[in-house]
Amino acid sequence: MSNQIIERKPNGQFQRGCSGNVHGNAQRTRHLFSKAFVEALLEDFRAWGAEAIVRVRTETPQAYLRVCATLIPKEPKLEHSQYVKTLSDEQIERVAEAVTRKN
């Protein structure tokens, strides 16, 4: 625990600019670090991106494929739609005929 004295108002509230947390906000620190890292990565990608991708693909294809695999979602996002309920009976029959013709 720190020996730092935190200024308080007479009613016990913290003074303006003092949160009372001498260790700071860990979530905010991580957020700032992540933001700075992604911005630096974007800057680097803009400068060397296409060239780096070609180089990795040709020199270490296993690393290239690993990166590609990590970018693919593990579970596809499926959304329920009420589209079929909006179709008329005639439209549903035409869709069914088209599907059976293709098989």
C-alpha atoms as a PDB file:
ATOM      1  CA  MET A   1       0.000   0.000   0.000  1.00  0.00           C
ATOM      2  CA  SER A   2       1.252   3.463  -0.839  1.00  0.00           C
ATOM      3  CA  ASN A   3       1.961   6.136   1.750  1.00  0.00           C
ATOM      4  CA  GLN A   4       0.644   8.801  -0.613  1.00  0.00           C
ATOM      5  CA  ILE A   5      -1.792  11.182   1.055  1.00  0.00           C
ATOM      6  CA  ILE A   6      -4.899  11.792  -0.985  1.00  0.00           C
ATOM      7  CA  GLU A   7      -6.471  15.210  -0.630  1.00  0.00           C
ATOM      8  CA  ARG A   8     -10.132  15.196   0.358  1.00  0.00           C
ATOM      9  CA  LYS A   9     -12.774  17.852   0.807  1.00  0.00           C
ATOM     10  CA  PRO A  10     -14.091  18.500   4.348  1.00  0.00           C
ATOM     11  CA  ASN A  11     -17.104  16.275   3.583  1.00  0.00           C
ATOM     12  CA  GLY A  12     -14.818  13.327   2.707  1.00  0.00           C
ATOM     13  CA  GLN A  13     -15.134  13.469  -1.072  1.00  0.00           C
ATOM     14  CA  PHE A  14     -11.976  13.357  -3.154  1.00  0.00           C
ATOM     15  CA  GLN A  15     -10.568  16.643  -4.380  1.00  0.00           C
ATOM     16  CA  ARG A  16     -10.962  17.489  -8.060  1.00  0.00           C
ATOM     17  CA  GLY A  17      -8.423  15.483 -10.097  1.00  0.00           C
ATOM     18  CA  CYS A  18      -7.888  12.850  -7.383  1.00  0.00           C
ATOM     19  CA  SER A  19      -9.776   9.595  -7.803  1.00  0.00           C
ATOM     20  CA  GLY A  20      -8.422   8.032  -4.646  1.00  0.00           C
ATOM     21  CA  ASN A  21      -7.023   5.139  -6.648  1.00  0.00           C
ATOM     22  CA  VAL A  22      -3.261   5.599  -6.355  1.00  0.00           C
ATOM     23  CA  HIS A  23      -2.641   2.704  -8.756  1.00  0.00           C
ATOM     24  CA  GLY A  24      -4.678   4.220 -11.601  1.00  0.00           C
ATOM     25  CA  ASN A  25      -7.294   2.558 -13.757  1.00  0.00           C
ATOM     26  CA  ALA A  26      -5.959  -0.763 -15.068  1.00  0.00           C
ATOM     27  CA  GLN A  27      -8.696  -1.107 -17.684  1.00  0.00           C
ATOM     28  CA  ARG A  28      -8.038   2.373 -19.023  1.00  0.00           C
ATOM     29  CA  THR A  29      -4.298   1.675 -19.120  1.00  0.00           C
ATOM     30  CA  ARG A  30      -4.862  -1.544 -21.095  1.00  0.00           C
ATOM     31  CA  HIS A  31      -7.232   0.302 -23.427  1.00  0.00           C
ATOM     32  CA  LEU A  32      -4.675   3.053 -24.079  1.00  0.00           C
ATOM     33  CA  PHE A  33      -1.923   0.488 -24.656  1.00  0.00           C
ATOM     34  CA  SER A  34      -4.110  -1.518 -27.041  1.00  0.00           C
ATOM     35  CA  LYS A  35      -5.097   1.606 -28.934  1.00  0.00           C
ATOM     36  CA  ALA A  36      -1.480   2.759 -29.277  1.00  0.00           C
ATOM     37  CA  PHE A  37      -0.368  -0.727 -30.359  1.00  0.00           C
ATOM     38  CA  VAL A  38      -3.080  -1.042 -33.017  1.00  0.00           C
ATOM     39  CA  GLU A  39      -2.318   2.455 -34.317  1.00  0.00           C
ATOM     40  CA  ALA A  40       1.393   1.606 -34.603  1.00  0.00           C
ATOM     41  CA  LEU A  41       0.525  -1.678 -36.301  1.00  0.00           C
ATOM     42  CA  LEU A  42      -1.722   0.147 -38.770  1.00  0.00           C
ATOM     43  CA  GLU A  43       1.032   2.632 -39.543  1.00  0.00           C
ATOM     44  CA  ASP A  44       3.490  -0.219 -40.119  1.00  0.00           C
ATOM     45  CA  PHE A  45       0.972  -2.059 -42.279  1.00  0.00           C
ATOM     46  CA  ARG A  46       0.385   1.008 -44.425  1.00  0.00           C
ATOM     47  CA  ALA A  47       4.133   1.271 -45.017  1.00  0.00           C
ATOM     48  CA  TRP A  48       5.030  -2.407 -45.456  1.00  0.00           C
ATOM     49  CA  GLY A  49       1.753  -4.386 -45.512  1.00  0.00           C
ATOM     50  CA  ALA A  50       1.517  -5.750 -49.038  1.00  0.00           C
ATOM     51  CA  GLU A  51       5.254  -6.354 -49.257  1.00  0.00           C
ATOM     52  CA  ALA A  52       5.305  -8.143 -45.905  1.00  0.00           C
ATOM     53  CA  ILE A  53       2.359 -10.355 -46.863  1.00  0.00           C
ATOM     54  CA  VAL A  54       4.064 -11.437 -50.097  1.00  0.00           C
ATOM     55  CA  ARG A  55       7.314 -12.113 -48.258  1.00  0.00           C
ATOM     56  CA  VAL A  56       5.666 -14.217 -45.531  1.00  0.00           C
ATOM     57  CA  ARG A  57       3.593 -16.112 -48.091  1.00  0.00           C
ATOM     58  CA  THR A  58       6.674 -17.040 -50.134  1.00  0.00           C
ATOM     59  CA  GLU A  59       9.216 -17.588 -47.339  1.00  0.00           C
ATOM     60  CA  THR A  60       7.062 -19.171 -44.605  1.00  0.00           C
ATOM     61  CA  PRO A  61       3.775 -20.398 -46.065  1.00  0.00           C
ATOM     62  CA  GLN A  62       2.835 -22.184 -42.819  1.00  0.00           C
ATOM     63  CA  ALA A  63       2.894 -18.861 -40.945  1.00  0.00           C
ATOM     64  CA  TYR A  64       0.870 -17.260 -43.745  1.00  0.00           C
ATOM     65  CA  LEU A  65      -1.765 -19.992 -43.537  1.00  0.00           C
ATOM     66  CA  ARG A  66      -1.854 -19.714 -39.726  1.00  0.00           C
ATOM     67  CA  VAL A  67      -2.623 -16.000 -39.990  1.00  0.00           C
ATOM     68  CA  CYS A  68      -5.301 -16.662 -42.624  1.00  0.00           C
ATOM     69  CA  ALA A  69      -6.891 -19.304 -40.388  1.00  0.00           C
ATOM     70  CA  THR A  70      -7.017 -16.948 -37.407  1.00  0.00           C
ATOM     71  CA  LEU A  71      -8.917 -14.382 -39.481  1.00  0.00           C
ATOM     72  CA  ILE A  72     -11.699 -16.819 -40.370  1.00  0.00           C
ATOM     73  CA  PRO A  73     -14.502 -16.891 -37.779  1.00  0.00           C
ATOM     74  CA  LYS A  74     -14.684 -20.212 -35.939  1.00  0.00           C
ATOM     75  CA  GLU A  75     -18.468 -20.177 -35.902  1.00  0.00           C
ATOM     76  CA  PRO A  76     -20.391 -18.669 -38.765  1.00  0.00           C
ATOM     77  CA  LYS A  77     -22.846 -15.993 -37.748  1.00  0.00           C
ATOM     78  CA  LEU A  78     -26.349 -17.141 -38.591  1.00  0.00           C
ATOM     79  CA  GLU A  79     -29.297 -14.846 -38.306  1.00  0.00           C
ATOM     80  CA  HIS A  80     -32.902 -15.933 -38.201  1.00  0.00           C
ATOM     81  CA  SER A  81     -35.043 -14.311 -40.817  1.00  0.00           C
ATOM     82  CA  GLN A  82     -38.787 -14.231 -41.347  1.00  0.00           C
ATOM     83  CA  TYR A  83     -38.331 -14.234 -45.142  1.00  0.00           C
ATOM     84  CA  VAL A  84     -40.202 -17.500 -45.794  1.00  0.00           C
ATOM     85  CA  LYS A  85     -43.263 -16.219 -43.937  1.00  0.00           C
ATOM     86  CA  THR A  86     -43.469 -13.304 -46.363  1.00  0.00           C
ATOM     87  CA  LEU A  87     -43.650 -15.576 -49.428  1.00  0.00           C
ATOM     88  CA  SER A  88     -46.938 -16.553 -50.994  1.00  0.00           C
ATOM     89  CA  ASP A  89     -47.829 -20.232 -51.479  1.00  0.00           C
ATOM     90  CA  GLU A  90     -47.085 -19.909 -55.189  1.00  0.00           C
ATOM     91  CA  GLN A  91     -43.612 -18.474 -54.511  1.00  0.00           C
ATOM     92  CA  ILE A  92     -42.836 -21.262 -52.043  1.00  0.00           C
ATOM     93  CA  GLU A  93     -43.886 -23.875 -54.635  1.00  0.00           C
ATOM     94  CA  ARG A  94     -41.576 -22.272 -57.243  1.00  0.00           C
ATOM     95  CA  VAL A  95     -38.650 -22.298 -54.804  1.00  0.00           C
ATOM     96  CA  ALA A  96     -39.320 -25.959 -53.949  1.00  0.00           C
ATOM     97  CA  GLU A  97     -39.434 -26.882 -57.656  1.00  0.00           C
ATOM     98  CA  ALA A  98     -36.174 -25.053 -58.330  1.00  0.00           C
ATOM     99  CA  VAL A  99     -34.437 -26.840 -55.445  1.00  0.00           C
ATOM    100  CA  THR A 100     -35.635 -30.283 -56.537  1.00  0.00           C
ATOM    101  CA  ARG A 101     -34.580 -29.597 -60.153  1.00  0.00           C
ATOM    102  CA  LYS A 102     -31.016 -28.776 -59.043  1.00  0.00           C
ATOM    103  CA  ASN A 103     -30.699 -32.050 -57.106  1.00  0.00           C
END
